[in-house]
Full PDB file with SEQRES, HELIX, SHEET, SSBOND, CRYST1, ORIGX, SCALE, CONECT and MASTER records, all heavy atoms in Angstrom:
SEQRES   1 A   32  ILE GLU ARG GLY THR ARG ILE MET SER VAL GLU THR LEU          
SEQRES   2 A   32  ASN GLY ILE CYS GLU ALA LEU ASP ALA SER ALA ASP GLU          
SEQRES   3 A   32  LEU LEU TRP GLY ILE PRO                                      
HELIX    1 AA1 VAL A   10  LEU A   20  1                                  11    
HELIX    2 AA2 ALA A   24  TRP A   29  1                                   6    
CRYST1    1.000    1.000    1.000  90.00  90.00  90.00 P 1           1          
ORIGX1      1.000000  0.000000  0.000000        0.00000                         
ORIGX2      0.000000  1.000000  0.000000        0.00000                         
ORIGX3      0.000000  0.000000  1.000000        0.00000                         
SCALE1      1.000000  0.000000  0.000000        0.00000                         
SCALE2      0.000000  1.000000  0.000000        0.00000                         
SCALE3      0.000000  0.000000  1.000000        0.00000                         
ATOM      1  N   ILE A   1       3.427  13.594   1.595  1.00  0.00           N  
ATOM      2  CA  ILE A   1       2.172  13.664   2.442  1.00  0.00           C  
ATOM      3  C   ILE A   1       2.480  14.513   3.701  1.00  0.00           C  
ATOM      4  O   ILE A   1       1.607  15.427   3.993  1.00  0.00           O  
ATOM      5  CB  ILE A   1       1.782  12.151   2.829  1.00  0.00           C  
ATOM      6  CG1 ILE A   1       1.299  11.539   1.568  1.00  0.00           C  
ATOM      7  CG2 ILE A   1       0.691  12.241   3.741  1.00  0.00           C  
ATOM      8  CD1 ILE A   1       1.168   9.968   1.701  1.00  0.00           C  
ATOM      9  N   GLU A   2       3.523  14.209   4.309  1.00  0.00           N  
ATOM     10  CA  GLU A   2       3.893  15.018   5.552  1.00  0.00           C  
ATOM     11  C   GLU A   2       3.976  16.490   5.280  1.00  0.00           C  
ATOM     12  O   GLU A   2       3.696  17.273   6.186  1.00  0.00           O  
ATOM     13  CB  GLU A   2       5.036  14.445   6.326  1.00  0.00           C  
ATOM     14  CG  GLU A   2       4.843  13.028   6.890  1.00  0.00           C  
ATOM     15  CD  GLU A   2       5.959  12.590   7.717  1.00  0.00           C  
ATOM     16  OE1 GLU A   2       7.125  13.288   7.831  1.00  0.00           O  
ATOM     17  OE2 GLU A   2       5.742  11.619   8.435  1.00  0.00           O  
ATOM     18  N   ARG A   3       4.445  16.827   4.101  1.00  0.00           N  
ATOM     19  CA  ARG A   3       4.635  18.288   3.777  1.00  0.00           C  
ATOM     20  C   ARG A   3       3.309  18.948   3.221  1.00  0.00           C  
ATOM     21  O   ARG A   3       3.179  20.041   3.090  1.00  0.00           O  
ATOM     22  CB  ARG A   3       5.751  18.557   2.786  1.00  0.00           C  
ATOM     23  CG  ARG A   3       7.138  18.264   3.343  1.00  0.00           C  
ATOM     24  CD  ARG A   3       8.257  18.703   2.400  1.00  0.00           C  
ATOM     25  NE  ARG A   3       8.233  18.014   1.198  1.00  0.00           N  
ATOM     26  CZ  ARG A   3       8.726  16.743   1.036  1.00  0.00           C  
ATOM     27  NH1 ARG A   3       9.332  16.122   2.019  1.00  0.00           N  
ATOM     28  NH2 ARG A   3       8.673  16.246  -0.141  1.00  0.00           N  
ATOM     29  N   GLY A   4       2.330  17.962   2.967  1.00  0.00           N  
ATOM     30  CA  GLY A   4       1.071  18.471   2.324  1.00  0.00           C  
ATOM     31  C   GLY A   4       1.119  18.891   0.936  1.00  0.00           C  
ATOM     32  O   GLY A   4       0.324  19.520   0.430  1.00  0.00           O  
ATOM     33  N   THR A   5       2.093  18.315   0.203  1.00  0.00           N  
ATOM     34  CA  THR A   5       2.335  18.631  -1.186  1.00  0.00           C  
ATOM     35  C   THR A   5       1.754  17.643  -2.098  1.00  0.00           C  
ATOM     36  O   THR A   5       1.718  17.794  -3.417  1.00  0.00           O  
ATOM     37  CB  THR A   5       3.823  18.942  -1.572  1.00  0.00           C  
ATOM     38  OG1 THR A   5       4.575  17.747  -1.221  1.00  0.00           O  
ATOM     39  CG2 THR A   5       4.340  20.034  -0.864  1.00  0.00           C  
ATOM     40  N   ARG A   6       1.328  16.545  -1.673  1.00  0.00           N  
ATOM     41  CA  ARG A   6       0.626  15.463  -2.383  1.00  0.00           C  
ATOM     42  C   ARG A   6      -0.569  14.930  -1.640  1.00  0.00           C  
ATOM     43  O   ARG A   6      -0.574  15.019  -0.429  1.00  0.00           O  
ATOM     44  CB  ARG A   6       1.569  14.220  -2.639  1.00  0.00           C  
ATOM     45  CG  ARG A   6       2.840  14.498  -3.401  1.00  0.00           C  
ATOM     46  CD  ARG A   6       2.726  14.270  -4.986  1.00  0.00           C  
ATOM     47  NE  ARG A   6       2.258  12.946  -5.407  1.00  0.00           N  
ATOM     48  CZ  ARG A   6       3.060  11.938  -5.576  1.00  0.00           C  
ATOM     49  NH1 ARG A   6       4.368  11.918  -5.403  1.00  0.00           N  
ATOM     50  NH2 ARG A   6       2.490  10.868  -6.088  1.00  0.00           N  
ATOM     51  N   ILE A   7      -1.553  14.569  -2.310  1.00  0.00           N  
ATOM     52  CA  ILE A   7      -2.799  14.036  -1.816  1.00  0.00           C  
ATOM     53  C   ILE A   7      -2.756  12.578  -1.760  1.00  0.00           C  
ATOM     54  O   ILE A   7      -2.460  11.958  -2.898  1.00  0.00           O  
ATOM     55  CB  ILE A   7      -4.026  14.618  -2.458  1.00  0.00           C  
ATOM     56  CG1 ILE A   7      -4.095  16.092  -2.451  1.00  0.00           C  
ATOM     57  CG2 ILE A   7      -5.276  13.961  -2.026  1.00  0.00           C  
ATOM     58  CD1 ILE A   7      -5.200  16.878  -3.271  1.00  0.00           C  
ATOM     59  N   MET A   8      -3.149  11.880  -0.718  1.00  0.00           N  
ATOM     60  CA  MET A   8      -3.093  10.407  -0.674  1.00  0.00           C  
ATOM     61  C   MET A   8      -4.432   9.897  -0.896  1.00  0.00           C  
ATOM     62  O   MET A   8      -5.579  10.555  -0.708  1.00  0.00           O  
ATOM     63  CB  MET A   8      -2.628   9.916   0.758  1.00  0.00           C  
ATOM     64  CG  MET A   8      -3.551  10.320   1.929  1.00  0.00           C  
ATOM     65  SD  MET A   8      -2.768  10.059   3.489  1.00  0.00           S  
ATOM     66  CE  MET A   8      -3.041  11.639   4.268  1.00  0.00           C  
ATOM     67  N   SER A   9      -4.547   8.651  -1.300  1.00  0.00           N  
ATOM     68  CA  SER A   9      -5.695   7.937  -1.429  1.00  0.00           C  
ATOM     69  C   SER A   9      -6.382   7.464  -0.193  1.00  0.00           C  
ATOM     70  O   SER A   9      -5.685   7.606   0.819  1.00  0.00           O  
ATOM     71  CB  SER A   9      -5.615   6.651  -2.362  1.00  0.00           C  
ATOM     72  OG  SER A   9      -4.844   5.693  -1.620  1.00  0.00           O  
ATOM     73  N   VAL A  10      -7.574   7.212  -0.243  1.00  0.00           N  
ATOM     74  CA  VAL A  10      -8.310   6.653   1.024  1.00  0.00           C  
ATOM     75  C   VAL A  10      -7.526   5.418   1.405  1.00  0.00           C  
ATOM     76  O   VAL A  10      -7.371   5.143   2.701  1.00  0.00           O  
ATOM     77  CB  VAL A  10      -9.791   6.362   0.790  1.00  0.00           C  
ATOM     78  CG1 VAL A  10     -10.485   5.725   1.894  1.00  0.00           C  
ATOM     79  CG2 VAL A  10     -10.560   7.632   0.383  1.00  0.00           C  
ATOM     80  N   GLU A  11      -7.114   4.537   0.608  1.00  0.00           N  
ATOM     81  CA  GLU A  11      -6.391   3.270   0.933  1.00  0.00           C  
ATOM     82  C   GLU A  11      -5.185   3.680   1.739  1.00  0.00           C  
ATOM     83  O   GLU A  11      -4.789   2.966   2.605  1.00  0.00           O  
ATOM     84  CB  GLU A  11      -6.124   2.474  -0.232  1.00  0.00           C  
ATOM     85  CG  GLU A  11      -7.302   1.792  -0.830  1.00  0.00           C  
ATOM     86  CD  GLU A  11      -8.149   2.793  -1.748  1.00  0.00           C  
ATOM     87  OE1 GLU A  11      -7.579   3.848  -2.198  1.00  0.00           O  
ATOM     88  OE2 GLU A  11      -9.305   2.376  -2.225  1.00  0.00           O  
ATOM     89  N   THR A  12      -4.433   4.694   1.224  1.00  0.00           N  
ATOM     90  CA  THR A  12      -3.130   5.113   1.903  1.00  0.00           C  
ATOM     91  C   THR A  12      -3.409   5.780   3.263  1.00  0.00           C  
ATOM     92  O   THR A  12      -2.786   5.410   4.244  1.00  0.00           O  
ATOM     93  CB  THR A  12      -2.417   6.165   1.037  1.00  0.00           C  
ATOM     94  OG1 THR A  12      -2.034   5.473  -0.259  1.00  0.00           O  
ATOM     95  CG2 THR A  12      -1.080   6.574   1.713  1.00  0.00           C  
ATOM     96  N   LEU A  13      -4.443   6.511   3.331  1.00  0.00           N  
ATOM     97  CA  LEU A  13      -4.862   6.993   4.628  1.00  0.00           C  
ATOM     98  C   LEU A  13      -5.171   5.976   5.574  1.00  0.00           C  
ATOM     99  O   LEU A  13      -4.829   6.076   6.765  1.00  0.00           O  
ATOM    100  CB  LEU A  13      -6.146   7.991   4.501  1.00  0.00           C  
ATOM    101  CG  LEU A  13      -6.677   8.517   5.838  1.00  0.00           C  
ATOM    102  CD1 LEU A  13      -5.722   9.398   6.502  1.00  0.00           C  
ATOM    103  CD2 LEU A  13      -7.932   9.365   5.510  1.00  0.00           C  
ATOM    104  N   ASN A  14      -5.987   5.033   5.096  1.00  0.00           N  
ATOM    105  CA  ASN A  14      -6.309   3.840   6.080  1.00  0.00           C  
ATOM    106  C   ASN A  14      -5.031   3.140   6.442  1.00  0.00           C  
ATOM    107  O   ASN A  14      -4.937   2.742   7.667  1.00  0.00           O  
ATOM    108  CB  ASN A  14      -7.164   2.813   5.240  1.00  0.00           C  
ATOM    109  CG  ASN A  14      -7.642   1.761   6.096  1.00  0.00           C  
ATOM    110  OD1 ASN A  14      -8.284   1.940   7.234  1.00  0.00           O  
ATOM    111  ND2 ASN A  14      -7.395   0.577   5.704  1.00  0.00           N  
ATOM    112  N   GLY A  15      -4.126   2.972   5.483  1.00  0.00           N  
ATOM    113  CA  GLY A  15      -2.789   2.286   5.939  1.00  0.00           C  
ATOM    114  C   GLY A  15      -2.089   3.035   7.029  1.00  0.00           C  
ATOM    115  O   GLY A  15      -1.467   2.511   7.898  1.00  0.00           O  
ATOM    116  N   ILE A  16      -2.017   4.376   6.895  1.00  0.00           N  
ATOM    117  CA  ILE A  16      -1.362   5.146   7.816  1.00  0.00           C  
ATOM    118  C   ILE A  16      -2.000   5.161   9.097  1.00  0.00           C  
ATOM    119  O   ILE A  16      -1.373   5.052  10.210  1.00  0.00           O  
ATOM    120  CB  ILE A  16      -1.160   6.683   7.291  1.00  0.00           C  
ATOM    121  CG1 ILE A  16      -0.153   6.638   6.109  1.00  0.00           C  
ATOM    122  CG2 ILE A  16      -0.656   7.580   8.315  1.00  0.00           C  
ATOM    123  CD1 ILE A  16      -0.149   8.012   5.237  1.00  0.00           C  
ATOM    124  N   CYS A  17      -3.365   5.234   9.153  1.00  0.00           N  
ATOM    125  CA  CYS A  17      -4.138   5.186  10.329  1.00  0.00           C  
ATOM    126  C   CYS A  17      -3.785   3.908  11.060  1.00  0.00           C  
ATOM    127  O   CYS A  17      -3.552   3.922  12.275  1.00  0.00           O  
ATOM    128  CB  CYS A  17      -5.676   5.237  10.045  1.00  0.00           C  
ATOM    129  SG  CYS A  17      -6.187   6.946   9.646  1.00  0.00           S  
ATOM    130  N   GLU A  18      -3.774   2.804  10.377  1.00  0.00           N  
ATOM    131  CA  GLU A  18      -3.527   1.501  10.878  1.00  0.00           C  
ATOM    132  C   GLU A  18      -2.135   1.377  11.522  1.00  0.00           C  
ATOM    133  O   GLU A  18      -1.872   0.945  12.699  1.00  0.00           O  
ATOM    134  CB  GLU A  18      -3.767   0.268   9.992  1.00  0.00           C  
ATOM    135  CG  GLU A  18      -5.313   0.033   9.829  1.00  0.00           C  
ATOM    136  CD  GLU A  18      -5.492  -1.087   8.761  1.00  0.00           C  
ATOM    137  OE1 GLU A  18      -4.598  -1.716   8.261  1.00  0.00           O  
ATOM    138  OE2 GLU A  18      -6.811  -1.251   8.509  1.00  0.00           O  
ATOM    139  N   ALA A  19      -1.182   1.836  10.748  1.00  0.00           N  
ATOM    140  CA  ALA A  19       0.220   1.855  11.163  1.00  0.00           C  
ATOM    141  C   ALA A  19       0.510   2.649  12.420  1.00  0.00           C  
ATOM    142  O   ALA A  19       1.202   2.225  13.340  1.00  0.00           O  
ATOM    143  CB  ALA A  19       1.120   2.179  10.034  1.00  0.00           C  
ATOM    144  N   LEU A  20      -0.122   3.832  12.417  1.00  0.00           N  
ATOM    145  CA  LEU A  20       0.020   4.663  13.577  1.00  0.00           C  
ATOM    146  C   LEU A  20      -0.861   4.513  14.653  1.00  0.00           C  
ATOM    147  O   LEU A  20      -0.774   5.104  15.746  1.00  0.00           O  
ATOM    148  CB  LEU A  20      -0.113   6.197  13.112  1.00  0.00           C  
ATOM    149  CG  LEU A  20       0.962   6.739  12.144  1.00  0.00           C  
ATOM    150  CD1 LEU A  20       0.592   8.154  11.642  1.00  0.00           C  
ATOM    151  CD2 LEU A  20       2.315   6.639  12.804  1.00  0.00           C  
ATOM    152  N   ASP A  21      -1.897   3.616  14.455  1.00  0.00           N  
ATOM    153  CA  ASP A  21      -2.901   3.319  15.511  1.00  0.00           C  
ATOM    154  C   ASP A  21      -3.546   4.660  15.893  1.00  0.00           C  
ATOM    155  O   ASP A  21      -3.719   5.058  17.013  1.00  0.00           O  
ATOM    156  CB  ASP A  21      -2.300   2.712  16.735  1.00  0.00           C  
ATOM    157  CG  ASP A  21      -3.408   2.057  17.773  1.00  0.00           C  
ATOM    158  OD1 ASP A  21      -4.487   1.782  17.224  1.00  0.00           O  
ATOM    159  OD2 ASP A  21      -3.136   2.169  18.878  1.00  0.00           O  
ATOM    160  N   ALA A  22      -4.026   5.302  14.765  1.00  0.00           N  
ATOM    161  CA  ALA A  22      -4.658   6.671  14.892  1.00  0.00           C  
ATOM    162  C   ALA A  22      -5.977   6.578  14.141  1.00  0.00           C  
ATOM    163  O   ALA A  22      -6.019   5.852  13.103  1.00  0.00           O  
ATOM    164  CB  ALA A  22      -3.830   7.841  14.447  1.00  0.00           C  
ATOM    165  N   SER A  23      -6.995   7.330  14.539  1.00  0.00           N  
ATOM    166  CA  SER A  23      -8.225   7.404  13.944  1.00  0.00           C  
ATOM    167  C   SER A  23      -8.193   8.294  12.689  1.00  0.00           C  
ATOM    168  O   SER A  23      -7.263   9.249  12.643  1.00  0.00           O  
ATOM    169  CB  SER A  23      -9.324   7.825  14.766  1.00  0.00           C  
ATOM    170  OG  SER A  23      -9.273   9.197  15.041  1.00  0.00           O  
ATOM    171  N   ALA A  24      -8.909   8.243  11.690  1.00  0.00           N  
ATOM    172  CA  ALA A  24      -9.056   9.146  10.593  1.00  0.00           C  
ATOM    173  C   ALA A  24      -9.342  10.611  11.057  1.00  0.00           C  
ATOM    174  O   ALA A  24      -8.787  11.639  10.589  1.00  0.00           O  
ATOM    175  CB  ALA A  24     -10.039   8.694   9.636  1.00  0.00           C  
ATOM    176  N   ASP A  25     -10.278  10.677  12.028  1.00  0.00           N  
ATOM    177  CA  ASP A  25     -10.622  11.970  12.696  1.00  0.00           C  
ATOM    178  C   ASP A  25      -9.373  12.657  13.235  1.00  0.00           C  
ATOM    179  O   ASP A  25      -9.268  13.806  13.082  1.00  0.00           O  
ATOM    180  CB  ASP A  25     -11.624  11.833  13.738  1.00  0.00           C  
ATOM    181  CG  ASP A  25     -13.061  11.622  13.211  1.00  0.00           C  
ATOM    182  OD1 ASP A  25     -13.264  12.069  11.995  1.00  0.00           O  
ATOM    183  OD2 ASP A  25     -13.958  11.140  13.916  1.00  0.00           O  
ATOM    184  N   GLU A  26      -8.505  11.937  13.863  1.00  0.00           N  
ATOM    185  CA  GLU A  26      -7.388  12.513  14.446  1.00  0.00           C  
ATOM    186  C   GLU A  26      -6.452  13.036  13.420  1.00  0.00           C  
ATOM    187  O   GLU A  26      -5.954  14.119  13.556  1.00  0.00           O  
ATOM    188  CB  GLU A  26      -6.629  11.352  15.312  1.00  0.00           C  
ATOM    189  CG  GLU A  26      -5.430  11.810  16.072  1.00  0.00           C  
ATOM    190  CD  GLU A  26      -4.813  10.857  16.952  1.00  0.00           C  
ATOM    191  OE1 GLU A  26      -5.353   9.698  17.086  1.00  0.00           O  
ATOM    192  OE2 GLU A  26      -3.876  11.235  17.610  1.00  0.00           O  
ATOM    193  N   LEU A  27      -6.247  12.270  12.299  1.00  0.00           N  
ATOM    194  CA  LEU A  27      -5.359  12.647  11.323  1.00  0.00           C  
ATOM    195  C   LEU A  27      -5.850  13.849  10.411  1.00  0.00           C  
ATOM    196  O   LEU A  27      -5.276  14.769  10.086  1.00  0.00           O  
ATOM    197  CB  LEU A  27      -4.888  11.502  10.358  1.00  0.00           C  
ATOM    198  CG  LEU A  27      -4.101  10.436  11.155  1.00  0.00           C  
ATOM    199  CD1 LEU A  27      -3.709   9.397  10.161  1.00  0.00           C  
ATOM    200  CD2 LEU A  27      -2.897  11.002  11.782  1.00  0.00           C  
ATOM    201  N   LEU A  28      -7.190  13.638  10.091  1.00  0.00           N  
ATOM    202  CA  LEU A  28      -7.815  14.740   9.165  1.00  0.00           C  
ATOM    203  C   LEU A  28      -8.218  15.947   9.886  1.00  0.00           C  
ATOM    204  O   LEU A  28      -7.959  16.888   9.271  1.00  0.00           O  
ATOM    205  CB  LEU A  28      -9.134  14.065   8.423  1.00  0.00           C  
ATOM    206  CG  LEU A  28      -8.775  12.868   7.505  1.00  0.00           C  
ATOM    207  CD1 LEU A  28     -10.161  12.308   7.175  1.00  0.00           C  
ATOM    208  CD2 LEU A  28      -8.042  13.191   6.318  1.00  0.00           C  
ATOM    209  N   TRP A  29      -8.648  15.801  11.072  1.00  0.00           N  
ATOM    210  CA  TRP A  29      -9.193  16.923  11.665  1.00  0.00           C  
ATOM    211  C   TRP A  29      -8.619  17.454  13.027  1.00  0.00           C  
ATOM    212  O   TRP A  29      -8.855  18.448  13.665  1.00  0.00           O  
ATOM    213  CB  TRP A  29     -10.782  16.847  11.921  1.00  0.00           C  
ATOM    214  CG  TRP A  29     -11.502  16.404  10.772  1.00  0.00           C  
ATOM    215  CD1 TRP A  29     -12.064  15.180  10.506  1.00  0.00           C  
ATOM    216  CD2 TRP A  29     -11.766  17.136   9.477  1.00  0.00           C  
ATOM    217  NE1 TRP A  29     -12.572  15.146   9.254  1.00  0.00           N  
ATOM    218  CE2 TRP A  29     -12.455  16.335   8.645  1.00  0.00           C  
ATOM    219  CE3 TRP A  29     -11.280  18.360   9.153  1.00  0.00           C  
ATOM    220  CZ2 TRP A  29     -12.863  16.781   7.360  1.00  0.00           C  
ATOM    221  CZ3 TRP A  29     -11.794  18.861   7.869  1.00  0.00           C  
ATOM    222  CH2 TRP A  29     -12.424  18.030   7.035  1.00  0.00           C  
ATOM    223  N   GLY A  30      -7.646  16.468  13.494  1.00  0.00           N  
ATOM    224  CA  GLY A  30      -7.078  16.791  14.765  1.00  0.00           C  
ATOM    225  C   GLY A  30      -7.873  16.465  15.964  1.00  0.00           C  
ATOM    226  O   GLY A  30      -7.721  17.075  17.060  1.00  0.00           O  
ATOM    227  N   ILE A  31      -8.902  15.557  15.891  1.00  0.00           N  
ATOM    228  CA  ILE A  31      -9.725  15.227  16.920  1.00  0.00           C  
ATOM    229  C   ILE A  31      -9.552  13.765  17.342  1.00  0.00           C  
ATOM    230  O   ILE A  31     -10.040  12.829  16.667  1.00  0.00           O  
ATOM    231  CB  ILE A  31     -11.258  15.399  16.252  1.00  0.00           C  
ATOM    232  CG1 ILE A  31     -11.630  16.729  15.796  1.00  0.00           C  
ATOM    233  CG2 ILE A  31     -12.254  14.944  17.520  1.00  0.00           C  
ATOM    234  CD1 ILE A  31     -12.848  16.882  15.061  1.00  0.00           C  
ATOM    235  N   PRO A  32      -8.798  13.656  18.394  1.00  0.00           N  
ATOM    236  CA  PRO A  32      -8.618  12.375  18.975  1.00  0.00           C  
ATOM    237  C   PRO A  32      -9.972  11.882  19.548  1.00  0.00           C  
ATOM    238  O   PRO A  32     -10.555  12.562  20.309  1.00  0.00           O  
ATOM    239  CB  PRO A  32      -7.551  12.406  19.890  1.00  0.00           C  
ATOM    240  CG  PRO A  32      -7.474  13.938  20.294  1.00  0.00           C  
ATOM    241  CD  PRO A  32      -8.087  14.823  19.151  1.00  0.00           C  
TER     242      PRO A  32                                                      
MASTER        0    0    0    2    0    0    0    6  241    1    0    3          
END                                                                             
């Protein structure tokens, strides 16, 4: 995922957002 060689599910994205305390906008688009 960090290298961009695999696509994660929405559930995985949500888990990463929660773990990092980051918004989906921040991770997907770089918009905090």
